[in-house]
Amino acid sequence: MVRTRDILGPEGRIAVRLPGYEHRPQQLQMAESVEAAIEGQRHLIVEAGTGVGKSFAYLVPTILAVAGEMSGHDIQRAVISTHTI
């Protein structure tokens, strides 16, 4: 099972593959909160400033859930609604 930390962590897949990748602790914290909300089937509201990495923070755990990487959940699709992407 792949976790959000495996992707966005300081030694994660993105850090390994992208030269100059900047690990952002706030981004990982937000992503893990999103991951926990998905796993717990709870709503989550997050506010974060410019440069935190909000897009990856919600997209990575959502993609993992839809791809079946989170145990015990049968999420077949997700809707992302945003003004900036």
PDB file of N, CA and C in Angstrom:
ATOM      1  N   MET A   1       0.843  -1.172   0.000  1.00  0.00           N
ATOM      2  CA  MET A   1       0.000   0.000   0.000  1.00  0.00           C
ATOM      3  C   MET A   1       0.896   1.246   0.000  1.00  0.00           C
ATOM      4  N   VAL A   2       0.644   2.140  -0.902  1.00  0.00           N
ATOM      5  CA  VAL A   2       1.399   3.387  -1.006  1.00  0.00           C
ATOM      6  C   VAL A   2       0.707   4.446  -0.159  1.00  0.00           C
ATOM      7  N   ARG A   3       1.484   5.153   0.627  1.00  0.00           N
ATOM      8  CA  ARG A   3       0.964   6.222   1.471  1.00  0.00           C
ATOM      9  C   ARG A   3       1.370   7.571   0.879  1.00  0.00           C
ATOM     10  N   THR A   4       0.665   8.596   1.282  1.00  0.00           N
ATOM     11  CA  THR A   4       0.971   9.948   0.827  1.00  0.00           C
ATOM     12  C   THR A   4       2.423  10.314   1.123  1.00  0.00           C
ATOM     13  N   ARG A   5       2.921   9.919   2.283  1.00  0.00           N
ATOM     14  CA  ARG A   5       4.309  10.210   2.663  1.00  0.00           C
ATOM     15  C   ARG A   5       5.293   9.570   1.677  1.00  0.00           C
ATOM     16  N   ASP A   6       4.931   8.431   1.115  1.00  0.00           N
ATOM     17  CA  ASP A   6       5.792   7.756   0.138  1.00  0.00           C
ATOM     18  C   ASP A   6       5.949   8.574  -1.138  1.00  0.00           C
ATOM     19  N   ILE A   7       5.014   9.443  -1.398  1.00  0.00           N
ATOM     20  CA  ILE A   7       5.054  10.284  -2.592  1.00  0.00           C
ATOM     21  C   ILE A   7       5.643  11.658  -2.276  1.00  0.00           C
ATOM     22  N   LEU A   8       5.114  12.318  -1.235  1.00  0.00           N
ATOM     23  CA  LEU A   8       5.461  13.712  -0.948  1.00  0.00           C
ATOM     24  C   LEU A   8       6.504  13.895   0.153  1.00  0.00           C
ATOM     25  N   GLY A   9       6.917  12.832   0.801  1.00  0.00           N
ATOM     26  CA  GLY A   9       7.878  12.944   1.900  1.00  0.00           C
ATOM     27  C   GLY A   9       9.255  13.376   1.421  1.00  0.00           C
ATOM     28  N   PRO A  10      10.133  13.732   2.356  1.00  0.00           N
ATOM     29  CA  PRO A  10      11.469  14.207   1.987  1.00  0.00           C
ATOM     30  C   PRO A  10      12.290  13.176   1.214  1.00  0.00           C
ATOM     31  N   GLU A  11      11.987  11.908   1.370  1.00  0.00           N
ATOM     32  CA  GLU A  11      12.651  10.835   0.623  1.00  0.00           C
ATOM     33  C   GLU A  11      11.667  10.147  -0.320  1.00  0.00           C
ATOM     34  N   GLY A  12      10.561  10.814  -0.603  1.00  0.00           N
ATOM     35  CA  GLY A  12       9.496  10.227  -1.405  1.00  0.00           C
ATOM     36  C   GLY A  12       9.806  10.160  -2.891  1.00  0.00           C
ATOM     37  N   ARG A  13       8.879   9.603  -3.622  1.00  0.00           N
ATOM     38  CA  ARG A  13       9.075   9.371  -5.057  1.00  0.00           C
ATOM     39  C   ARG A  13       9.305  10.657  -5.837  1.00  0.00           C
ATOM     40  N   ILE A  14       8.609  11.724  -5.468  1.00  0.00           N
ATOM     41  CA  ILE A  14       8.799  12.988  -6.185  1.00  0.00           C
ATOM     42  C   ILE A  14      10.188  13.542  -5.898  1.00  0.00           C
ATOM     43  N   ALA A  15      10.615  13.513  -4.641  1.00  0.00           N
ATOM     44  CA  ALA A  15      11.941  14.022  -4.271  1.00  0.00           C
ATOM     45  C   ALA A  15      13.046  13.263  -4.993  1.00  0.00           C
ATOM     46  N   VAL A  16      12.867  11.966  -5.148  1.00  0.00           N
ATOM     47  CA  VAL A  16      13.876  11.134  -5.800  1.00  0.00           C
ATOM     48  C   VAL A  16      13.955  11.423  -7.300  1.00  0.00           C
ATOM     49  N   ARG A  17      12.819  11.719  -7.912  1.00  0.00           N
ATOM     50  CA  ARG A  17      12.773  11.848  -9.375  1.00  0.00           C
ATOM     51  C   ARG A  17      12.897  13.272  -9.900  1.00  0.00           C
ATOM     52  N   LEU A  18      12.624  14.269  -9.059  1.00  0.00           N
ATOM     53  CA  LEU A  18      12.663  15.654  -9.531  1.00  0.00           C
ATOM     54  C   LEU A  18      13.831  16.407  -8.902  1.00  0.00           C
ATOM     55  N   PRO A  19      14.856  16.686  -9.684  1.00  0.00           N
ATOM     56  CA  PRO A  19      15.970  17.471  -9.150  1.00  0.00           C
ATOM     57  C   PRO A  19      15.453  18.842  -8.692  1.00  0.00           C
ATOM     58  N   GLY A  20      15.910  19.279  -7.558  1.00  0.00           N
ATOM     59  CA  GLY A  20      15.494  20.581  -7.051  1.00  0.00           C
ATOM     60  C   GLY A  20      14.156  20.580  -6.338  1.00  0.00           C
ATOM     61  N   TYR A  21      13.557  19.394  -6.169  1.00  0.00           N
ATOM     62  CA  TYR A  21      12.279  19.317  -5.458  1.00  0.00           C
ATOM     63  C   TYR A  21      12.469  19.820  -4.038  1.00  0.00           C
ATOM     64  N   GLU A  22      11.569  20.669  -3.601  1.00  0.00           N
ATOM     65  CA  GLU A  22      11.631  21.243  -2.261  1.00  0.00           C
ATOM     66  C   GLU A  22      10.563  20.605  -1.383  1.00  0.00           C
ATOM     67  N   HIS A  23      10.996  19.803  -0.421  1.00  0.00           N
ATOM     68  CA  HIS A  23      10.055  19.199   0.525  1.00  0.00           C
ATOM     69  C   HIS A  23       9.425  20.305   1.359  1.00  0.00           C
ATOM     70  N   ARG A  24       8.116  20.264   1.499  1.00  0.00           N
ATOM     71  CA  ARG A  24       7.386  21.267   2.268  1.00  0.00           C
ATOM     72  C   ARG A  24       6.638  20.560   3.397  1.00  0.00           C
ATOM     73  N   PRO A  25       7.094  20.717   4.623  1.00  0.00           N
ATOM     74  CA  PRO A  25       6.441  20.033   5.743  1.00  0.00           C
ATOM     75  C   PRO A  25       4.947  20.351   5.851  1.00  0.00           C
ATOM     76  N   GLN A  26       4.567  21.604   5.567  1.00  0.00           N
ATOM     77  CA  GLN A  26       3.151  21.975   5.640  1.00  0.00           C
ATOM     78  C   GLN A  26       2.339  21.243   4.580  1.00  0.00           C
ATOM     79  N   GLN A  27       2.929  21.033   3.413  1.00  0.00           N
ATOM     80  CA  GLN A  27       2.250  20.308   2.345  1.00  0.00           C
ATOM     81  C   GLN A  27       2.007  18.860   2.769  1.00  0.00           C
ATOM     82  N   LEU A  28       3.020  18.240   3.332  1.00  0.00           N
ATOM     83  CA  LEU A  28       2.883  16.855   3.780  1.00  0.00           C
ATOM     84  C   LEU A  28       1.855  16.751   4.902  1.00  0.00           C
ATOM     85  N   GLN A  29       1.866  17.707   5.818  1.00  0.00           N
ATOM     86  CA  GLN A  29       0.884  17.705   6.902  1.00  0.00           C
ATOM     87  C   GLN A  29      -0.536  17.807   6.344  1.00  0.00           C
ATOM     88  N   MET A  30      -0.728  18.701   5.371  1.00  0.00           N
ATOM     89  CA  MET A  30      -2.049  18.846   4.753  1.00  0.00           C
ATOM     90  C   MET A  30      -2.433  17.568   4.016  1.00  0.00           C
ATOM     91  N   ALA A  31      -1.505  17.009   3.257  1.00  0.00           N
ATOM     92  CA  ALA A  31      -1.785  15.793   2.486  1.00  0.00           C
ATOM     93  C   ALA A  31      -2.147  14.627   3.402  1.00  0.00           C
ATOM     94  N   GLU A  32      -1.456  14.503   4.512  1.00  0.00           N
ATOM     95  CA  GLU A  32      -1.770  13.424   5.451  1.00  0.00           C
ATOM     96  C   GLU A  32      -3.123  13.655   6.127  1.00  0.00           C
ATOM     97  N   SER A  33      -3.505  14.914   6.304  1.00  0.00           N
ATOM     98  CA  SER A  33      -4.842  15.222   6.838  1.00  0.00           C
ATOM     99  C   SER A  33      -5.919  14.837   5.832  1.00  0.00           C
ATOM    100  N   VAL A  34      -5.660  15.123   4.557  1.00  0.00           N
ATOM    101  CA  VAL A  34      -6.599  14.725   3.497  1.00  0.00           C
ATOM    102  C   VAL A  34      -6.692  13.203   3.445  1.00  0.00           C
ATOM    103  N   GLU A  35      -5.555  12.544   3.499  1.00  0.00           N
ATOM    104  CA  GLU A  35      -5.518  11.081   3.492  1.00  0.00           C
ATOM    105  C   GLU A  35      -6.349  10.509   4.648  1.00  0.00           C
ATOM    106  N   ALA A  36      -6.168  11.057   5.840  1.00  0.00           N
ATOM    107  CA  ALA A  36      -6.913  10.582   7.013  1.00  0.00           C
ATOM    108  C   ALA A  36      -8.408  10.839   6.862  1.00  0.00           C
ATOM    109  N   ALA A  37      -8.766  11.978   6.280  1.00  0.00           N
ATOM    110  CA  ALA A  37     -10.186  12.287   6.065  1.00  0.00           C
ATOM    111  C   ALA A  37     -10.810  11.313   5.076  1.00  0.00           C
ATOM    112  N   ILE A  38     -10.085  10.989   4.015  1.00  0.00           N
ATOM    113  CA  ILE A  38     -10.596  10.024   3.038  1.00  0.00           C
ATOM    114  C   ILE A  38     -10.761   8.659   3.704  1.00  0.00           C
ATOM    115  N   GLU A  39      -9.734   8.230   4.417  1.00  0.00           N
ATOM    116  CA  GLU A  39      -9.794   6.917   5.066  1.00  0.00           C
ATOM    117  C   GLU A  39     -10.890   6.850   6.123  1.00  0.00           C
ATOM    118  N   GLY A  40     -11.113   7.960   6.820  1.00  0.00           N
ATOM    119  CA  GLY A  40     -12.138   7.997   7.857  1.00  0.00           C
ATOM    120  C   GLY A  40     -13.502   8.418   7.351  1.00  0.00           C
ATOM    121  N   GLN A  41     -13.589   8.645   6.047  1.00  0.00           N
ATOM    122  CA  GLN A  41     -14.830   9.087   5.401  1.00  0.00           C
ATOM    123  C   GLN A  41     -15.403  10.310   6.116  1.00  0.00           C
ATOM    124  N   ARG A  42     -14.519  11.297   6.334  1.00  0.00           N
ATOM    125  CA  ARG A  42     -14.893  12.535   7.001  1.00  0.00           C
ATOM    126  C   ARG A  42     -14.680  13.714   6.071  1.00  0.00           C
ATOM    127  N   HIS A  43     -15.376  14.796   6.364  1.00  0.00           N
ATOM    128  CA  HIS A  43     -15.151  16.055   5.663  1.00  0.00           C
ATOM    129  C   HIS A  43     -13.921  16.725   6.259  1.00  0.00           C
ATOM    130  N   LEU A  44     -13.285  17.567   5.459  1.00  0.00           N
ATOM    131  CA  LEU A  44     -12.102  18.283   5.926  1.00  0.00           C
ATOM    132  C   LEU A  44     -12.074  19.651   5.271  1.00  0.00           C
ATOM    133  N   ILE A  45     -11.830  20.664   6.053  1.00  0.00           N
ATOM    134  CA  ILE A  45     -11.623  22.013   5.533  1.00  0.00           C
ATOM    135  C   ILE A  45     -10.211  22.421   5.922  1.00  0.00           C
ATOM    136  N   VAL A  46      -9.446  22.879   4.934  1.00  0.00           N
ATOM    137  CA  VAL A  46      -8.059  23.263   5.170  1.00  0.00           C
ATOM    138  C   VAL A  46      -7.827  24.639   4.575  1.00  0.00           C
ATOM    139  N   GLU A  47      -7.097  25.460   5.290  1.00  0.00           N
ATOM    140  CA  GLU A  47      -6.678  26.757   4.769  1.00  0.00           C
ATOM    141  C   GLU A  47      -5.159  26.780   4.776  1.00  0.00           C
ATOM    142  N   ALA A  48      -4.571  27.193   3.671  1.00  0.00           N
ATOM    143  CA  ALA A  48      -3.113  27.244   3.583  1.00  0.00           C
ATOM    144  C   ALA A  48      -2.711  28.391   2.666  1.00  0.00           C
ATOM    145  N   GLY A  49      -1.610  29.007   2.982  1.00  0.00           N
ATOM    146  CA  GLY A  49      -1.140  30.160   2.226  1.00  0.00           C
ATOM    147  C   GLY A  49      -0.501  29.788   0.898  1.00  0.00           C
ATOM    148  N   THR A  50      -0.149  30.815   0.165  1.00  0.00           N
ATOM    149  CA  THR A  50       0.510  30.659  -1.126  1.00  0.00           C
ATOM    150  C   THR A  50       1.840  29.933  -0.942  1.00  0.00           C
ATOM    151  N   GLY A  51       2.109  28.992  -1.824  1.00  0.00           N
ATOM    152  CA  GLY A  51       3.391  28.298  -1.812  1.00  0.00           C
ATOM    153  C   GLY A  51       3.458  27.047  -0.957  1.00  0.00           C
ATOM    154  N   VAL A  52       2.377  26.706  -0.290  1.00  0.00           N
ATOM    155  CA  VAL A  52       2.371  25.509   0.556  1.00  0.00           C
ATOM    156  C   VAL A  52       2.369  24.246  -0.297  1.00  0.00           C
ATOM    157  N   GLY A  53       1.724  24.305  -1.440  1.00  0.00           N
ATOM    158  CA  GLY A  53       1.604  23.125  -2.292  1.00  0.00           C
ATOM    159  C   GLY A  53       0.263  22.445  -2.129  1.00  0.00           C
ATOM    160  N   LYS A  54      -0.772  23.269  -2.050  1.00  0.00           N
ATOM    161  CA  LYS A  54      -2.122  22.750  -1.812  1.00  0.00           C
ATOM    162  C   LYS A  54      -2.573  21.774  -2.892  1.00  0.00           C
ATOM    163  N   SER A  55      -2.283  22.070  -4.138  1.00  0.00           N
ATOM    164  CA  SER A  55      -2.766  21.215  -5.233  1.00  0.00           C
ATOM    165  C   SER A  55      -2.264  19.782  -5.078  1.00  0.00           C
ATOM    166  N   PHE A  56      -0.963  19.598  -4.907  1.00  0.00           N
ATOM    167  CA  PHE A  56      -0.424  18.252  -4.698  1.00  0.00           C
ATOM    168  C   PHE A  56      -0.940  17.665  -3.395  1.00  0.00           C
ATOM    169  N   ALA A  57      -1.127  18.515  -2.382  1.00  0.00           N
ATOM    170  CA  ALA A  57      -1.549  18.030  -1.067  1.00  0.00           C
ATOM    171  C   ALA A  57      -2.927  17.387  -1.099  1.00  0.00           C
ATOM    172  N   TYR A  58      -3.806  17.851  -1.964  1.00  0.00           N
ATOM    173  CA  TYR A  58      -5.107  17.173  -2.052  1.00  0.00           C
ATOM    174  C   TYR A  58      -5.171  16.197  -3.213  1.00  0.00           C
ATOM    175  N   LEU A  59      -4.404  16.432  -4.265  1.00  0.00           N
ATOM    176  CA  LEU A  59      -4.463  15.531  -5.414  1.00  0.00           C
ATOM    177  C   LEU A  59      -3.787  14.182  -5.149  1.00  0.00           C
ATOM    178  N   VAL A  60      -2.636  14.184  -4.501  1.00  0.00           N
ATOM    179  CA  VAL A  60      -1.914  12.922  -4.284  1.00  0.00           C
ATOM    180  C   VAL A  60      -2.743  11.925  -3.476  1.00  0.00           C
ATOM    181  N   PRO A  61      -3.272  12.290  -2.296  1.00  0.00           N
ATOM    182  CA  PRO A  61      -4.073  11.297  -1.577  1.00  0.00           C
ATOM    183  C   PRO A  61      -5.365  10.917  -2.301  1.00  0.00           C
ATOM    184  N   THR A  62      -5.931  11.852  -3.042  1.00  0.00           N
ATOM    185  CA  THR A  62      -7.148  11.543  -3.802  1.00  0.00           C
ATOM    186  C   THR A  62      -6.846  10.534  -4.905  1.00  0.00           C
ATOM    187  N   ILE A  63      -5.761  10.743  -5.621  1.00  0.00           N
ATOM    188  CA  ILE A  63      -5.365   9.807  -6.679  1.00  0.00           C
ATOM    189  C   ILE A  63      -5.062   8.429  -6.086  1.00  0.00           C
ATOM    190  N   LEU A  64      -4.369   8.397  -4.955  1.00  0.00           N
ATOM    191  CA  LEU A  64      -4.078   7.110  -4.311  1.00  0.00           C
ATOM    192  C   LEU A  64      -5.361   6.385  -3.930  1.00  0.00           C
ATOM    193  N   ALA A  65      -6.340   7.127  -3.438  1.00  0.00           N
ATOM    194  CA  ALA A  65      -7.617   6.508  -3.046  1.00  0.00           C
ATOM    195  C   ALA A  65      -8.351   5.949  -4.257  1.00  0.00           C
ATOM    196  N   VAL A  66      -8.421   6.724  -5.327  1.00  0.00           N
ATOM    197  CA  VAL A  66      -9.128   6.275  -6.532  1.00  0.00           C
ATOM    198  C   VAL A  66      -8.389   5.109  -7.188  1.00  0.00           C
ATOM    199  N   ALA A  67      -7.060   5.118  -7.098  1.00  0.00           N
ATOM    200  CA  ALA A  67      -6.261   4.036  -7.689  1.00  0.00           C
ATOM    201  C   ALA A  67      -6.298   2.762  -6.848  1.00  0.00           C
ATOM    202  N   GLY A  68      -6.959   2.824  -5.701  1.00  0.00           N
ATOM    203  CA  GLY A  68      -7.087   1.638  -4.862  1.00  0.00           C
ATOM    204  C   GLY A  68      -5.923   1.387  -3.941  1.00  0.00           C
ATOM    205  N   GLU A  69      -5.096   2.403  -3.716  1.00  0.00           N
ATOM    206  CA  GLU A  69      -3.916   2.233  -2.864  1.00  0.00           C
ATOM    207  C   GLU A  69      -4.229   2.368  -1.378  1.00  0.00           C
ATOM    208  N   MET A  70      -5.407   2.861  -1.029  1.00  0.00           N
ATOM    209  CA  MET A  70      -5.784   2.979   0.379  1.00  0.00           C
ATOM    210  C   MET A  70      -6.642   1.782   0.743  1.00  0.00           C
ATOM    211  N   SER A  71      -6.256   1.086   1.769  1.00  0.00           N
ATOM    212  CA  SER A  71      -6.937  -0.155   2.128  1.00  0.00           C
ATOM    213  C   SER A  71      -8.354   0.081   2.626  1.00  0.00           C
ATOM    214  N   GLY A  72      -9.216  -0.840   2.259  1.00  0.00           N
ATOM    215  CA  GLY A  72     -10.569  -0.843   2.786  1.00  0.00           C
ATOM    216  C   GLY A  72     -11.535   0.130   2.145  1.00  0.00           C
ATOM    217  N   HIS A  73     -11.163   0.748   1.051  1.00  0.00           N
ATOM    218  CA  HIS A  73     -12.053   1.721   0.428  1.00  0.00           C
ATOM    219  C   HIS A  73     -12.229   1.412  -1.048  1.00  0.00           C
ATOM    220  N   ASP A  74     -13.443   1.518  -1.488  1.00  0.00           N
ATOM    221  CA  ASP A  74     -13.768   1.290  -2.893  1.00  0.00           C
ATOM    222  C   ASP A  74     -14.227   2.613  -3.501  1.00  0.00           C
ATOM    223  N   ILE A  75     -13.298   3.538  -3.643  1.00  0.00           N
ATOM    224  CA  ILE A  75     -13.599   4.839  -4.234  1.00  0.00           C
ATOM    225  C   ILE A  75     -13.315   4.725  -5.724  1.00  0.00           C
ATOM    226  N   GLN A  76     -14.325   4.928  -6.530  1.00  0.00           N
ATOM    227  CA  GLN A  76     -14.155   4.752  -7.966  1.00  0.00           C
ATOM    228  C   GLN A  76     -13.908   6.054  -8.705  1.00  0.00           C
ATOM    229  N   ARG A  77     -14.290   7.163  -8.092  1.00  0.00           N
ATOM    230  CA  ARG A  77     -14.060   8.440  -8.756  1.00  0.00           C
ATOM    231  C   ARG A  77     -14.049   9.552  -7.719  1.00  0.00           C
ATOM    232  N   ALA A  78     -13.504  10.675  -8.144  1.00  0.00           N
ATOM    233  CA  ALA A  78     -13.449  11.855  -7.282  1.00  0.00           C
ATOM    234  C   ALA A  78     -13.699  13.079  -8.148  1.00  0.00           C
ATOM    235  N   VAL A  79     -14.253  14.090  -7.552  1.00  0.00           N
ATOM    236  CA  VAL A  79     -14.488  15.358  -8.238  1.00  0.00           C
ATOM    237  C   VAL A  79     -13.636  16.416  -7.553  1.00  0.00           C
ATOM    238  N   ILE A  80     -12.847  17.114  -8.334  1.00  0.00           N
ATOM    239  CA  ILE A  80     -12.055  18.231  -7.830  1.00  0.00           C
ATOM    240  C   ILE A  80     -12.614  19.486  -8.473  1.00  0.00           C
ATOM    241  N   SER A  81     -13.043  20.410  -7.666  1.00  0.00           N
ATOM    242  CA  SER A  81     -13.594  21.671  -8.163  1.00  0.00           C
ATOM    243  C   SER A  81     -12.756  22.808  -7.600  1.00  0.00           C
ATOM    244  N   THR A  82     -12.085  23.531  -8.481  1.00  0.00           N
ATOM    245  CA  THR A  82     -11.221  24.621  -8.034  1.00  0.00           C
ATOM    246  C   THR A  82     -11.183  25.713  -9.090  1.00  0.00           C
ATOM    247  N   HIS A  83     -10.907  26.892  -8.658  1.00  0.00           N
ATOM    248  CA  HIS A  83     -10.844  28.030  -9.571  1.00  0.00           C
ATOM    249  C   HIS A  83      -9.469  28.158 -10.221  1.00  0.00           C
ATOM    250  N   THR A  84      -8.432  27.628  -9.583  1.00  0.00           N
ATOM    251  CA  THR A  84      -7.068  27.922 -10.023  1.00  0.00           C
ATOM    252  C   THR A  84      -6.413  26.880 -10.913  1.00  0.00           C
ATOM    253  N   ILE A  85      -6.954  25.678 -11.004  1.00  0.00           N
ATOM    254  CA  ILE A  85      -6.310  24.664 -11.854  1.00  0.00           C
ATOM    255  C   ILE A  85      -7.053  24.573 -13.168  1.00  0.00           C
TER     256      ILE A  85
END
